[in-house]
Amino acid sequence: MNLNITGHHVEVTPAIREYVTTKLDRVIRHFDNVTSVGVILSVEKLRQKAEVTVHVRGKDIYVENEDADMYAAIDALIDKLDRQVLKYKDKAADHGHESFKQHLAES
């Protein structure tokens, strides 16, 4: 997995880099086929903004969040990303039909 963390108008300190990496590990463990992750942290006046793009096979998942505190923005961003990743995983696993055994059990 390729992880790229960049900052716009903010310096990406080792503490922020470690915080983002540990939070992303929680989400990335759902997938084996994540090819790359891009994180952009930016500051515009009093708004702290965090964006992430996760490249998985067949789709790019993009999430963004704004908050007054950078760490709170990252936390909310990871929560949103986790929900979207689980939703994508459920859709990828659901093949749109019931199994034959379930059909026999209902009858």
C-alpha atoms as a PDB file:
ATOM      1  CA  MET A   1       0.000   0.000   0.000  1.00  0.00           C
ATOM      2  CA  ASN A   2       1.265   3.436  -0.945  1.00  0.00           C
ATOM      3  CA  LEU A   3       0.484   6.192   1.604  1.00  0.00           C
ATOM      4  CA  ASN A   4       0.886   9.851   0.655  1.00  0.00           C
ATOM      5  CA  ILE A   5       0.223  12.572   3.264  1.00  0.00           C
ATOM      6  CA  THR A   6       0.481  16.189   2.115  1.00  0.00           C
ATOM      7  CA  GLY A   7      -0.274  19.516   3.745  1.00  0.00           C
ATOM      8  CA  HIS A   8      -1.549  22.741   2.199  1.00  0.00           C
ATOM      9  CA  HIS A   9      -0.681  25.778   4.325  1.00  0.00           C
ATOM     10  CA  VAL A  10       0.130  23.440   7.205  1.00  0.00           C
ATOM     11  CA  GLU A  11       3.278  21.517   8.092  1.00  0.00           C
ATOM     12  CA  VAL A  12       2.772  17.768   8.396  1.00  0.00           C
ATOM     13  CA  THR A  13       4.603  17.030  11.621  1.00  0.00           C
ATOM     14  CA  PRO A  14       5.679  13.513  12.606  1.00  0.00           C
ATOM     15  CA  ALA A  15       2.946  13.528  15.286  1.00  0.00           C
ATOM     16  CA  ILE A  16       0.203  14.273  12.736  1.00  0.00           C
ATOM     17  CA  ARG A  17       1.687  11.726  10.304  1.00  0.00           C
ATOM     18  CA  GLU A  18       1.683   9.036  13.023  1.00  0.00           C
ATOM     19  CA  TYR A  19      -1.869   9.945  14.089  1.00  0.00           C
ATOM     20  CA  VAL A  20      -3.196   9.668  10.518  1.00  0.00           C
ATOM     21  CA  THR A  21      -1.310   6.406   9.927  1.00  0.00           C
ATOM     22  CA  THR A  22      -2.674   4.725  13.065  1.00  0.00           C
ATOM     23  CA  LYS A  23      -6.215   5.883  12.301  1.00  0.00           C
ATOM     24  CA  LEU A  24      -5.985   4.664   8.693  1.00  0.00           C
ATOM     25  CA  ASP A  25      -4.755   1.241   9.819  1.00  0.00           C
ATOM     26  CA  ARG A  26      -8.158   0.700  11.438  1.00  0.00           C
ATOM     27  CA  VAL A  27      -9.907   1.273   8.112  1.00  0.00           C
ATOM     28  CA  ILE A  28      -7.405  -0.413   5.812  1.00  0.00           C
ATOM     29  CA  ARG A  29      -7.545  -3.724   7.709  1.00  0.00           C
ATOM     30  CA  HIS A  30     -10.957  -4.324   6.072  1.00  0.00           C
ATOM     31  CA  PHE A  31      -9.299  -4.733   2.676  1.00  0.00           C
ATOM     32  CA  ASP A  32      -6.359  -6.626   1.291  1.00  0.00           C
ATOM     33  CA  ASN A  33      -6.536  -4.916  -2.093  1.00  0.00           C
ATOM     34  CA  VAL A  34      -5.961  -1.238  -1.225  1.00  0.00           C
ATOM     35  CA  THR A  35      -3.452   0.041  -3.751  1.00  0.00           C
ATOM     36  CA  SER A  36      -2.867   3.572  -2.481  1.00  0.00           C
ATOM     37  CA  VAL A  37      -4.133   6.168  -0.033  1.00  0.00           C
ATOM     38  CA  GLY A  38      -3.794   9.918  -0.481  1.00  0.00           C
ATOM     39  CA  VAL A  39      -4.376  12.274   2.453  1.00  0.00           C
ATOM     40  CA  ILE A  40      -4.485  16.063   2.114  1.00  0.00           C
ATOM     41  CA  LEU A  41      -4.531  18.245   5.224  1.00  0.00           C
ATOM     42  CA  SER A  42      -5.197  21.955   4.719  1.00  0.00           C
ATOM     43  CA  VAL A  43      -5.874  25.106   6.719  1.00  0.00           C
ATOM     44  CA  GLU A  44      -8.015  28.000   5.483  1.00  0.00           C
ATOM     45  CA  LYS A  45      -8.348  30.755   8.079  1.00  0.00           C
ATOM     46  CA  LEU A  46     -10.090  29.062  11.035  1.00  0.00           C
ATOM     47  CA  ARG A  47     -11.178  25.904   9.178  1.00  0.00           C
ATOM     48  CA  GLN A  48      -9.066  22.766   9.328  1.00  0.00           C
ATOM     49  CA  LYS A  49      -9.829  20.454   6.420  1.00  0.00           C
ATOM     50  CA  ALA A  50      -8.877  16.814   5.932  1.00  0.00           C
ATOM     51  CA  GLU A  51      -9.413  14.854   2.710  1.00  0.00           C
ATOM     52  CA  VAL A  52      -8.630  11.253   1.863  1.00  0.00           C
ATOM     53  CA  THR A  53      -8.815   9.206  -1.323  1.00  0.00           C
ATOM     54  CA  VAL A  54      -8.554   5.423  -1.015  1.00  0.00           C
ATOM     55  CA  HIS A  55      -7.877   3.530  -4.229  1.00  0.00           C
ATOM     56  CA  VAL A  56      -9.319   0.018  -4.131  1.00  0.00           C
ATOM     57  CA  ARG A  57      -9.799  -2.372  -6.992  1.00  0.00           C
ATOM     58  CA  GLY A  58     -12.586  -1.010  -9.150  1.00  0.00           C
ATOM     59  CA  LYS A  59     -13.278   2.212  -7.258  1.00  0.00           C
ATOM     60  CA  ASP A  60     -11.841   5.313  -5.637  1.00  0.00           C
ATOM     61  CA  ILE A  61     -13.402   6.257  -2.295  1.00  0.00           C
ATOM     62  CA  TYR A  62     -13.175   9.988  -1.499  1.00  0.00           C
ATOM     63  CA  VAL A  63     -14.090  11.579   1.841  1.00  0.00           C
ATOM     64  CA  GLU A  64     -13.579  15.083   3.209  1.00  0.00           C
ATOM     65  CA  ASN A  65     -14.299  16.778   6.524  1.00  0.00           C
ATOM     66  CA  GLU A  66     -13.861  20.219   8.077  1.00  0.00           C
ATOM     67  CA  ASP A  67     -13.572  21.186  11.737  1.00  0.00           C
ATOM     68  CA  ALA A  68     -12.026  23.842  13.959  1.00  0.00           C
ATOM     69  CA  ASP A  69      -9.434  21.323  15.213  1.00  0.00           C
ATOM     70  CA  MET A  70      -7.263  19.237  12.862  1.00  0.00           C
ATOM     71  CA  TYR A  71      -7.369  16.132  15.052  1.00  0.00           C
ATOM     72  CA  ALA A  72     -11.177  16.329  15.312  1.00  0.00           C
ATOM     73  CA  ALA A  73     -11.376  16.700  11.526  1.00  0.00           C
ATOM     74  CA  ILE A  74      -9.197  13.600  11.093  1.00  0.00           C
ATOM     75  CA  ASP A  75     -11.313  11.605  13.576  1.00  0.00           C
ATOM     76  CA  ALA A  76     -14.579  12.478  11.825  1.00  0.00           C
ATOM     77  CA  LEU A  77     -12.968  11.805   8.454  1.00  0.00           C
ATOM     78  CA  ILE A  78     -11.893   8.316   9.508  1.00  0.00           C
ATOM     79  CA  ASP A  79     -15.393   7.553  10.818  1.00  0.00           C
ATOM     80  CA  LYS A  80     -16.917   8.582   7.477  1.00  0.00           C
ATOM     81  CA  LEU A  81     -14.307   6.613   5.566  1.00  0.00           C
ATOM     82  CA  ASP A  82     -14.906   3.512   7.674  1.00  0.00           C
ATOM     83  CA  ARG A  83     -18.635   3.626   6.917  1.00  0.00           C
ATOM     84  CA  GLN A  84     -18.013   4.046   3.183  1.00  0.00           C
ATOM     85  CA  VAL A  85     -15.429   1.261   3.069  1.00  0.00           C
ATOM     86  CA  LEU A  86     -17.767  -1.155   4.860  1.00  0.00           C
ATOM     87  CA  LYS A  87     -20.596  -0.165   2.507  1.00  0.00           C
ATOM     88  CA  TYR A  88     -18.374  -0.792  -0.517  1.00  0.00           C
ATOM     89  CA  LYS A  89     -17.224  -4.111   0.910  1.00  0.00           C
ATOM     90  CA  ASP A  90     -20.827  -5.243   1.493  1.00  0.00           C
ATOM     91  CA  LYS A  91     -21.801  -4.262  -2.041  1.00  0.00           C
ATOM     92  CA  ALA A  92     -18.797  -6.078  -3.492  1.00  0.00           C
ATOM     93  CA  ALA A  93     -19.598  -9.230  -1.501  1.00  0.00           C
ATOM     94  CA  ASP A  94     -23.335  -9.169  -2.320  1.00  0.00           C
ATOM     95  CA  HIS A  95     -23.877 -10.833  -5.659  1.00  0.00           C
ATOM     96  CA  GLY A  96     -27.551  -9.924  -5.860  1.00  0.00           C
ATOM     97  CA  HIS A  97     -29.082 -13.344  -5.357  1.00  0.00           C
ATOM     98  CA  GLU A  98     -29.945 -15.701  -2.558  1.00  0.00           C
ATOM     99  CA  SER A  99     -28.168 -18.964  -2.171  1.00  0.00           C
ATOM    100  CA  PHE A 100     -29.968 -22.178  -3.056  1.00  0.00           C
ATOM    101  CA  LYS A 101     -29.783 -23.395   0.556  1.00  0.00           C
ATOM    102  CA  GLN A 102     -31.509 -20.248   1.850  1.00  0.00           C
ATOM    103  CA  HIS A 103     -34.220 -20.658  -0.766  1.00  0.00           C
ATOM    104  CA  LEU A 104     -34.864 -24.249   0.323  1.00  0.00           C
ATOM    105  CA  ALA A 105     -34.934 -23.312   4.012  1.00  0.00           C
ATOM    106  CA  GLU A 106     -37.584 -20.631   3.415  1.00  0.00           C
ATOM    107  CA  SER A 107     -39.838 -22.959   1.433  1.00  0.00           C
END
